[in-house]
């Protein structure tokens, strides 16, 4: 589980609930619970998303959102380097026959596919093109999920504003069609009370839209983008390793190339671990 995501949601929801508490009654006013406003914002956002994307992509929405609550779905830098070193040593000492036996046991899909193609492709340029095509396909797939939530983050406030406008129209229409009061002062007082009450209810839909956009949809899109960048970074490291294996380079030379992907502290940690 991704602890940062869970803590962020808990803190965000907690602070919003704290801000909703009435200072006099010490409770949350029932005005904040408006089923029509919730229906307009959620229903409108869902409808706009259905119009914008194929149904097949919509079904994957919950699966994509679940990725934000999981831990890192890629191995650490050091784990990748160790795996590539083991594969390199196996390939150089025991040949492709032994390498083909261990390829199906590799869990990382990108590395497994890259090594599998490497065993049948002698041309290094074609191998590199294949690996970059795999990365581009992964980036496009990830970008669809990111854009879906980014668009939902745009739709939600817009439908919240639409609900507010609808509420104001109904409120003003009700005021203009209202009956005469016993006196002018009583009429003004009733009108003002009704106006303020209706204004509060109307603004709740904007509250829902802004809340969903800034606490749910946009943060999920941001987390998906970060996860995608992490995966692409690891895949680029794997490309370097697969190329070295394909060129039959010594594993120490390959490690030096792979260490260029790490920062200074990570390099020192890797070298100290391997020195011991």
Protein backbone atom coordinates (compact mmCIF):
# COMPACT_ATOMS: atom_id res chain seq x y z
CA UNK A 1 0.00 0.00 0.00
CA UNK A 2 1.13 3.55 -0.75
CA UNK A 3 1.19 5.19 2.69
CA UNK A 4 1.57 8.74 1.34
CA UNK A 5 -1.65 8.50 -0.69
CA UNK A 6 -3.65 7.15 2.26
CA UNK A 7 -2.26 9.75 4.68
CA UNK A 8 -2.95 12.51 2.16
CA UNK A 9 -6.60 11.48 1.79
CA UNK A 10 -7.06 11.18 5.55
CA UNK A 11 -5.53 14.60 6.24
CA UNK A 12 -7.46 16.24 3.39
CA UNK A 13 -10.83 14.80 4.37
CA UNK A 14 -10.18 15.49 8.06
CA UNK A 15 -9.35 19.15 7.52
CA UNK A 16 -12.36 19.65 5.25
CA UNK A 17 -14.69 18.08 7.81
CA UNK A 18 -13.12 20.29 10.47
CA UNK A 19 -13.77 23.36 8.32
CA UNK A 20 -17.41 22.34 7.80
CA UNK A 21 -18.15 22.34 11.54
CA UNK A 22 -20.41 25.22 12.63
CA UNK A 23 -18.70 27.26 15.38
CA UNK A 24 -21.99 27.74 17.27
CA UNK A 25 -23.61 24.29 17.12
CA UNK A 26 -20.27 22.40 16.95
CA UNK A 27 -21.75 20.14 14.28
CA UNK A 28 -21.75 19.89 10.50
CA UNK A 29 -24.83 21.64 9.03
CA UNK A 30 -27.17 19.47 6.98
CA UNK A 31 -26.82 22.00 4.15
CA UNK A 32 -23.60 20.30 3.11
CA UNK A 33 -25.52 17.11 2.36
CA UNK A 34 -27.35 17.90 -0.85
CA UNK A 35 -28.26 14.86 -2.92
CA UNK A 36 -29.23 16.90 -5.97
CA UNK A 37 -25.86 18.65 -5.94
CA UNK A 38 -23.99 15.34 -5.57
CA UNK A 39 -26.01 13.87 -8.44
CA UNK A 40 -25.27 16.83 -10.71
CA UNK A 41 -21.52 16.81 -10.04
CA UNK A 42 -20.90 13.06 -10.03
CA UNK A 43 -23.47 12.29 -12.72
CA UNK A 44 -22.32 15.12 -14.96
CA UNK A 45 -18.65 14.16 -14.57
CA UNK A 46 -19.43 10.51 -15.33
CA UNK A 47 -21.57 11.46 -18.35
CA UNK A 48 -18.89 13.74 -19.80
CA UNK A 49 -16.24 11.04 -19.29
CA UNK A 50 -18.43 8.48 -21.06
CA UNK A 51 -18.88 10.85 -23.99
CA UNK A 52 -15.14 11.53 -24.16
CA UNK A 53 -13.79 7.96 -23.90
CA UNK A 54 -14.72 4.50 -25.24
CA UNK A 55 -16.58 2.23 -22.85
CA UNK A 56 -13.61 -0.15 -22.73
CA UNK A 57 -11.43 2.61 -21.25
CA UNK A 58 -14.10 3.53 -18.69
CA UNK A 59 -14.12 -0.01 -17.32
CA UNK A 60 -10.40 0.23 -16.62
CA UNK A 61 -10.88 3.46 -14.64
CA UNK A 62 -11.19 1.79 -11.23
CA UNK A 63 -8.22 -0.46 -11.92
CA UNK A 64 -6.11 2.56 -12.85
CA UNK A 65 -7.25 4.46 -9.75
CA UNK A 66 -6.27 1.50 -7.59
CA UNK A 67 -2.64 1.90 -8.70
CA UNK A 68 -2.39 5.08 -6.62
CA UNK A 69 -3.03 3.09 -3.41
CA UNK A 70 -0.48 0.39 -4.17
CA UNK A 71 3.20 0.55 -3.39
CA UNK A 72 5.80 0.93 -6.11
CA UNK A 73 5.04 -1.45 -8.96
CA UNK A 74 8.66 -1.46 -10.16
CA UNK A 75 11.80 -2.91 -8.63
CA UNK A 76 14.45 -0.77 -7.00
CA UNK A 77 17.47 0.40 -8.98
CA UNK A 78 19.84 -1.97 -7.16
CA UNK A 79 17.53 -4.95 -7.69
CA UNK A 80 17.41 -4.24 -11.41
CA UNK A 81 21.20 -3.95 -11.62
CA UNK A 82 21.68 -7.23 -9.73
CA UNK A 83 19.18 -9.00 -11.99
CA UNK A 84 20.88 -7.71 -15.13
CA UNK A 85 24.31 -8.71 -13.81
CA UNK A 86 23.09 -12.26 -13.12
CA UNK A 87 21.59 -12.48 -16.61
CA UNK A 88 24.78 -11.12 -18.16
CA UNK A 89 26.96 -13.68 -16.36
CA UNK A 90 24.61 -16.51 -17.31
CA UNK A 91 24.56 -15.42 -20.96
CA UNK A 92 28.35 -15.08 -21.26
CA UNK A 93 29.25 -18.27 -19.39
CA UNK A 94 26.45 -20.66 -20.33
CA UNK A 95 25.16 -19.21 -23.61
CA UNK A 96 21.72 -18.41 -25.03
CA UNK A 97 20.36 -21.89 -24.39
CA UNK A 98 20.61 -21.44 -20.63
CA UNK A 99 19.40 -17.85 -20.91
CA UNK A 100 16.25 -18.95 -22.73
CA UNK A 101 15.44 -21.22 -19.79
CA UNK A 102 15.44 -18.40 -17.22
CA UNK A 103 13.67 -15.78 -19.36
CA UNK A 104 10.13 -17.15 -18.62
CA UNK A 105 10.85 -16.88 -14.86
CA UNK A 106 11.53 -13.12 -15.03
CA UNK A 107 8.61 -11.22 -13.49
CA UNK A 108 9.20 -7.83 -15.12
CA UNK A 109 7.26 -7.87 -18.40
CA UNK A 110 9.44 -5.30 -20.17
CA UNK A 111 12.69 -7.09 -19.29
CA UNK A 112 11.23 -10.49 -20.18
CA UNK A 113 10.01 -9.31 -23.60
CA UNK A 114 13.24 -7.44 -24.31
CA UNK A 115 15.45 -10.44 -23.52
CA UNK A 116 13.20 -12.74 -25.50
CA UNK A 117 13.50 -10.53 -28.57
CA UNK A 118 17.24 -10.18 -27.96
CA UNK A 119 17.74 -13.95 -28.33
CA UNK A 120 16.34 -13.93 -31.87
CA UNK A 121 17.55 -10.53 -33.12
CA UNK A 122 21.18 -10.13 -34.15
CA UNK A 123 20.93 -6.52 -35.31
CA UNK A 124 21.54 -4.14 -32.38
CA UNK A 125 19.72 -1.24 -34.05
CA UNK A 126 16.57 -3.30 -34.59
CA UNK A 127 16.73 -4.51 -31.00
CA UNK A 128 17.00 -0.92 -29.76
CA UNK A 129 14.08 0.13 -31.96
CA UNK A 130 11.95 -2.70 -30.56
CA UNK A 131 12.75 -1.69 -26.96
CA UNK A 132 11.95 1.97 -27.61
CA UNK A 133 8.68 0.96 -29.26
CA UNK A 134 7.82 -0.98 -26.10
CA UNK A 135 8.50 2.12 -23.98
CA UNK A 136 6.41 4.33 -26.27
CA UNK A 137 3.52 1.87 -26.03
CA UNK A 138 3.78 1.90 -22.23
CA UNK A 139 3.82 5.71 -22.16
CA UNK A 140 0.72 5.94 -24.36
CA UNK A 141 -1.11 3.43 -22.18
CA UNK A 142 -0.22 5.33 -19.01
CA UNK A 143 -1.10 8.69 -20.55
CA UNK A 144 -4.68 7.59 -21.23
CA UNK A 145 -5.28 6.93 -17.54
CA UNK A 146 -3.64 10.21 -16.52
CA UNK A 147 -5.70 12.25 -18.99
CA UNK A 148 -8.93 10.59 -17.92
CA UNK A 149 -8.48 11.79 -14.36
CA UNK A 150 -7.18 15.19 -15.48
CA UNK A 151 -10.31 15.64 -17.58
CA UNK A 152 -12.52 14.52 -14.69
CA UNK A 153 -10.74 17.11 -12.57
CA UNK A 154 -11.84 19.69 -15.13
CA UNK A 155 -15.40 18.43 -15.47
CA UNK A 156 -16.20 18.29 -11.75
CA UNK A 157 -15.84 22.04 -10.95
CA UNK A 158 -17.65 22.92 -14.19
CA UNK A 159 -20.67 20.79 -13.24
CA UNK A 160 -20.45 22.16 -9.70
CA UNK A 161 -20.77 25.67 -11.14
CA UNK A 162 -23.61 24.47 -13.37
CA UNK A 163 -25.45 23.16 -10.30
CA UNK A 164 -24.92 26.50 -8.56
CA UNK A 165 -26.35 28.40 -11.54
CA UNK A 166 -29.34 26.05 -11.67
CA UNK A 167 -29.94 26.60 -7.95
CA UNK A 168 -29.74 30.38 -8.33
CA UNK A 169 -32.17 30.33 -11.25
CA UNK A 170 -34.68 28.28 -9.26
CA UNK A 171 -34.21 30.53 -6.24
CA UNK A 172 -34.74 33.76 -8.19
CA UNK A 173 -37.75 32.31 -10.00
CA UNK A 174 -39.24 31.32 -6.66
CA UNK A 175 -38.68 34.85 -5.33
CA UNK A 176 -40.33 36.52 -8.30
CA UNK A 177 -43.35 34.22 -8.07
CA UNK A 178 -43.76 34.50 -4.29
CA UNK A 179 -46.94 35.86 -2.75
CA UNK A 180 -47.21 39.23 -1.02
CA UNK A 181 -46.43 39.34 2.67
CA UNK A 182 -48.49 41.15 5.36
CA UNK A 183 -46.17 44.13 5.29
CA UNK A 184 -43.23 45.47 3.36
CA UNK A 185 -40.73 44.83 6.16
CA UNK A 186 -42.00 41.28 6.66
CA UNK A 187 -41.79 40.67 2.91
CA UNK A 188 -38.22 41.92 2.77
CA UNK A 189 -37.21 39.81 5.78
CA UNK A 190 -38.76 36.65 4.33
CA UNK A 191 -37.21 37.31 0.96
CA UNK A 192 -33.77 37.87 2.44
CA UNK A 193 -33.97 34.72 4.59
CA UNK A 194 -35.10 32.65 1.63
CA UNK A 195 -32.42 34.19 -0.57
CA UNK A 196 -29.60 33.43 1.89
CA UNK A 197 -30.83 29.89 2.47
CA UNK A 198 -31.13 29.19 -1.24
CA UNK A 199 -27.73 30.72 -1.90
CA UNK A 200 -26.11 28.34 0.59
CA UNK A 201 -27.75 25.31 -1.00
CA UNK A 202 -26.81 26.48 -4.50
CA UNK A 203 -23.14 26.96 -3.59
CA UNK A 204 -22.87 23.43 -2.20
CA UNK A 205 -22.61 21.99 -5.73
CA UNK A 206 -19.57 24.17 -6.43
CA UNK A 207 -18.12 22.89 -3.14
CA UNK A 208 -18.57 19.29 -4.31
CA UNK A 209 -16.96 20.01 -7.68
CA UNK A 210 -13.92 21.78 -6.25
CA UNK A 211 -13.51 19.10 -3.57
CA UNK A 212 -13.57 16.18 -6.01
CA UNK A 213 -11.31 17.96 -8.46
CA UNK A 214 -8.59 19.00 -6.01
CA UNK A 215 -8.67 16.12 -3.53
CA UNK A 216 -9.47 13.15 -5.77
CA UNK A 217 -9.20 13.50 -9.54
CA UNK A 218 -6.19 15.80 -10.03
CA UNK A 219 -4.08 14.21 -7.25
CA UNK A 220 -4.74 10.74 -8.69
CA UNK A 221 -3.67 11.99 -12.13
CA UNK A 222 -0.49 13.42 -10.58
CA UNK A 223 0.34 10.17 -8.77
CA UNK A 224 -0.21 8.16 -11.96
CA UNK A 225 2.18 10.48 -13.80
CA UNK A 226 4.87 9.96 -11.16
CA UNK A 227 4.40 6.18 -11.25
CA UNK A 228 4.68 6.24 -15.03
CA UNK A 229 7.91 8.27 -14.91
CA UNK A 230 9.38 5.81 -12.40
CA UNK A 231 8.54 2.85 -14.62
CA UNK A 232 9.92 4.51 -17.77
CA UNK A 233 13.13 5.38 -15.89
CA UNK A 234 13.59 1.73 -14.87
CA UNK A 235 12.81 0.55 -18.40
CA UNK A 236 15.47 2.86 -19.84
CA UNK A 237 17.96 1.33 -17.40
CA UNK A 238 16.92 -2.11 -18.61
CA UNK A 239 17.50 -1.08 -22.22
CA UNK A 240 21.09 -0.22 -21.35
CA UNK A 241 21.51 -3.60 -19.67
CA UNK A 242 19.90 -5.56 -22.52
CA UNK A 243 22.17 -3.82 -25.02
CA UNK A 244 25.24 -4.76 -22.98
CA UNK A 245 24.11 -8.37 -22.77
CA UNK A 246 23.42 -8.41 -26.51
CA UNK A 247 26.92 -7.04 -27.20
CA UNK A 248 28.43 -9.61 -24.80
CA UNK A 249 30.08 -6.92 -22.66
CA UNK A 250 31.70 -7.86 -19.38
CA UNK A 251 29.29 -7.44 -16.47
CA UNK A 252 31.59 -4.96 -14.69
CA UNK A 253 31.53 -2.69 -17.72
CA UNK A 254 27.75 -3.03 -17.86
CA UNK A 255 27.44 -2.11 -14.18
CA UNK A 256 29.43 1.10 -14.72
CA UNK A 257 27.03 2.07 -17.49
CA UNK A 258 24.00 1.30 -15.34
CA UNK A 259 25.36 3.31 -12.42
CA UNK A 260 25.06 6.45 -14.56
CA UNK A 261 21.31 6.23 -13.92
CA UNK A 262 21.82 6.53 -10.15
CA UNK A 263 22.57 9.58 -8.05
CA UNK A 264 25.77 9.89 -6.03
CA UNK A 265 24.38 8.39 -2.81
CA UNK A 266 22.77 5.46 -4.62
CA UNK A 267 26.05 4.73 -6.41
CA UNK A 268 27.95 4.67 -3.10
CA UNK A 269 25.36 2.37 -1.53
CA UNK A 270 25.51 -0.02 -4.47
CA UNK A 271 29.30 -0.14 -4.48
CA UNK A 272 29.53 -0.63 -0.71
CA UNK A 273 27.00 -3.48 -0.84
CA UNK A 274 28.87 -5.23 -3.64
CA UNK A 275 32.25 -4.62 -2.00
CA UNK A 276 31.05 -6.55 1.02
